[in-house]
Amino acid sequence: MKKILLISTTIFLLASCDVRKKDKIAVENKLSQQVEIKDPTTVQIIDSVYNFNKVTEGEIVEYNFRFKNIGTKPLIITNASASCGCTVPEKPEKPIAVGDTGFIKVKFNSDHRVGVAHKTVTVTSNAEPAFPELLIKGEVEAKKDANGKTITPEDLKK
């Protein structure tokens, strides 16, 4: 009897967790669709790609992507998310009025990111057509000591 009760409880808990997750996803999708459908406007992207060329590992790269509301309604940006935790976008909190220029500030932390960097920022708004992805890219070079030798993580432990 205890076995049946334990199995039933486990199945119930697993099923209820999945339902909540599906409900949350459905609500999020519905909210994003409502923003896009309600009062759509048009946006002109001034900057969609920023190439920072080469930086040394540990530097923080900042860039303001510019865009202009060329539509007939205020531009409302509901979310800006990056493809990686090392990249942090900051969206405008207030709507962008018709004819005004807005900015999405992006910070890329190059610490422990040696090599080619190619990070995207996805923007959710009431723009029609949808806001294109923003791209920040470049190359991160390893830190070097006073003699020009590359500093490795093992060197830092010594």
Protein backbone atom coordinates (compact mmCIF):
# COMPACT_ATOMS: atom_id res chain seq x y z
CA MET A 1 0.00 0.00 0.00
CA LYS A 2 2.82 2.37 0.86
CA LYS A 3 4.45 1.62 -2.49
CA ILE A 4 1.30 2.52 -4.40
CA LEU A 5 0.88 5.73 -2.41
CA LEU A 6 4.52 6.69 -2.98
CA ILE A 7 4.33 6.03 -6.72
CA SER A 8 1.03 7.91 -7.04
CA THR A 9 2.40 10.91 -5.15
CA THR A 10 5.55 10.99 -7.27
CA ILE A 11 3.57 10.85 -10.53
CA PHE A 12 1.22 13.57 -9.29
CA LEU A 13 4.11 15.88 -8.31
CA LEU A 14 5.90 15.40 -11.60
CA ALA A 15 2.74 16.04 -13.59
CA SER A 16 1.83 19.15 -11.62
CA CYS A 17 5.32 20.65 -12.08
CA ASP A 18 5.06 20.20 -15.86
CA VAL A 19 1.62 21.83 -15.95
CA ARG A 20 2.88 24.91 -14.10
CA LYS A 21 5.81 25.24 -16.47
CA LYS A 22 3.53 24.98 -19.51
CA ASP A 23 1.15 27.54 -17.99
CA LYS A 24 4.02 29.96 -17.34
CA ILE A 25 5.27 29.60 -20.93
CA ALA A 26 1.76 30.10 -22.30
CA VAL A 27 1.25 33.26 -20.20
CA GLU A 28 4.62 34.68 -21.27
CA ASN A 29 3.84 34.01 -24.95
CA LYS A 30 0.42 35.59 -24.61
CA LEU A 31 1.85 38.71 -22.95
CA SER A 32 4.53 39.17 -25.60
CA GLN A 33 1.94 38.73 -28.36
CA GLN A 34 -0.32 41.32 -26.73
CA VAL A 35 2.49 43.88 -26.65
CA GLU A 36 3.32 43.26 -30.30
CA ILE A 37 -0.31 43.41 -31.47
CA LYS A 38 -1.39 46.38 -29.33
CA ASP A 39 -0.34 49.72 -30.84
CA PRO A 40 2.37 48.53 -33.25
CA THR A 41 4.90 51.07 -34.45
CA THR A 42 7.90 51.10 -36.77
CA VAL A 43 11.53 51.30 -35.70
CA GLN A 44 14.58 52.34 -37.71
CA ILE A 45 17.76 50.63 -36.51
CA ILE A 46 20.74 52.97 -36.64
CA ASP A 47 23.26 50.47 -35.20
CA SER A 48 22.72 46.71 -35.28
CA VAL A 49 26.35 45.49 -35.20
CA TYR A 50 29.26 46.70 -33.09
CA ASN A 51 32.76 45.34 -33.75
CA PHE A 52 35.05 46.14 -30.83
CA ASN A 53 38.01 44.64 -32.75
CA LYS A 54 40.53 43.43 -30.13
CA VAL A 55 40.50 43.77 -26.36
CA THR A 56 42.57 42.21 -23.59
CA GLU A 57 40.93 39.58 -21.44
CA GLY A 58 39.20 41.20 -18.46
CA GLU A 59 38.22 44.44 -20.19
CA ILE A 60 34.57 45.46 -20.23
CA VAL A 61 33.27 46.66 -23.58
CA GLU A 62 30.26 49.02 -23.57
CA TYR A 63 28.23 50.16 -26.54
CA ASN A 64 24.93 52.00 -27.03
CA PHE A 65 22.91 50.59 -29.93
CA ARG A 66 20.81 53.40 -31.39
CA PHE A 67 17.34 53.19 -32.92
CA LYS A 68 14.64 55.68 -33.88
CA ASN A 69 10.86 55.41 -33.58
CA ILE A 70 9.64 56.30 -37.07
CA GLY A 71 6.13 54.97 -36.52
CA THR A 72 2.96 56.65 -35.33
CA LYS A 73 2.79 55.19 -31.78
CA PRO A 74 5.21 55.17 -28.81
CA LEU A 75 7.80 52.37 -29.01
CA ILE A 76 7.63 50.11 -25.96
CA ILE A 77 10.56 47.77 -25.33
CA THR A 78 9.43 45.04 -22.96
CA ASN A 79 12.60 42.95 -22.83
CA ALA A 80 16.22 42.81 -23.94
CA SER A 81 18.15 39.58 -23.37
CA ALA A 82 21.62 38.40 -24.34
CA SER A 83 22.87 35.08 -25.68
CA CYS A 84 25.34 34.75 -22.78
CA GLY A 85 25.66 35.82 -19.15
CA CYS A 86 28.83 37.75 -19.99
CA THR A 87 26.73 40.22 -22.00
CA VAL A 88 24.22 42.46 -20.21
CA PRO A 89 21.77 44.67 -22.12
CA GLU A 90 19.95 47.60 -20.51
CA LYS A 91 16.68 48.60 -22.16
CA PRO A 92 15.00 51.99 -21.86
CA GLU A 93 12.42 51.99 -19.07
CA LYS A 94 10.16 54.61 -20.65
CA PRO A 95 8.47 54.40 -24.08
CA ILE A 96 10.30 56.07 -26.96
CA ALA A 97 8.10 58.83 -28.38
CA VAL A 98 7.40 59.16 -32.11
CA GLY A 99 10.43 60.71 -33.81
CA ASP A 100 12.75 60.18 -30.83
CA THR A 101 15.97 58.17 -30.73
CA GLY A 102 16.50 55.50 -28.08
CA PHE A 103 19.42 53.41 -26.90
CA ILE A 104 20.04 49.89 -25.70
CA LYS A 105 23.24 49.87 -23.66
CA VAL A 106 25.18 46.61 -23.85
CA LYS A 107 28.09 45.62 -21.59
CA PHE A 108 30.32 42.68 -22.55
CA ASN A 109 32.67 41.31 -19.87
CA SER A 110 35.64 39.65 -21.59
CA ASP A 111 36.98 37.98 -18.44
CA HIS A 112 37.69 34.28 -19.19
CA ARG A 113 36.45 34.75 -22.80
CA VAL A 114 39.69 34.44 -24.82
CA GLY A 115 39.07 34.02 -28.55
CA VAL A 116 36.43 35.22 -30.97
CA ALA A 117 33.39 36.83 -29.34
CA HIS A 118 30.02 36.85 -31.11
CA LYS A 119 27.18 37.82 -28.74
CA THR A 120 23.61 38.60 -29.72
CA VAL A 121 20.93 40.66 -27.99
CA THR A 122 17.26 39.91 -28.62
CA VAL A 123 14.80 42.78 -28.17
CA THR A 124 11.06 42.34 -27.60
CA SER A 125 8.92 45.38 -28.40
CA ASN A 126 5.78 46.59 -30.15
CA ALA A 127 7.76 47.25 -33.35
CA GLU A 128 6.34 45.92 -36.61
CA PRO A 129 8.33 44.38 -38.25
CA ALA A 130 10.05 42.94 -35.19
CA PHE A 131 13.23 44.45 -33.77
CA PRO A 132 16.23 42.71 -35.40
CA GLU A 133 18.89 40.99 -33.31
CA LEU A 134 21.76 43.21 -32.19
CA LEU A 135 25.32 41.87 -32.43
CA ILE A 136 28.48 42.71 -30.51
CA LYS A 137 31.61 41.02 -31.78
CA GLY A 138 35.39 41.09 -31.73
CA GLU A 139 38.38 39.20 -30.42
CA VAL A 140 39.55 38.79 -26.84
CA GLU A 141 43.29 38.37 -26.42
CA ALA A 142 44.81 36.64 -23.39
CA LYS A 143 46.46 38.72 -20.69
CA LYS A 144 50.24 39.01 -20.92
CA ASP A 145 52.88 39.62 -18.25
CA ALA A 146 55.60 42.28 -18.38
CA ASN A 147 57.73 40.00 -20.59
CA GLY A 148 54.96 39.49 -23.14
CA LYS A 149 54.20 35.93 -21.99
CA THR A 150 50.55 34.88 -21.96
CA ILE A 151 49.17 34.57 -18.43
CA THR A 152 47.32 31.28 -17.92
CA PRO A 153 44.92 30.39 -15.09
CA GLU A 154 47.67 28.14 -13.68
CA ASP A 155 49.99 31.16 -13.43
CA LEU A 156 47.44 32.97 -11.30
CA LYS A 157 47.31 30.06 -8.81
CA LYS A 158 51.05 30.28 -8.08
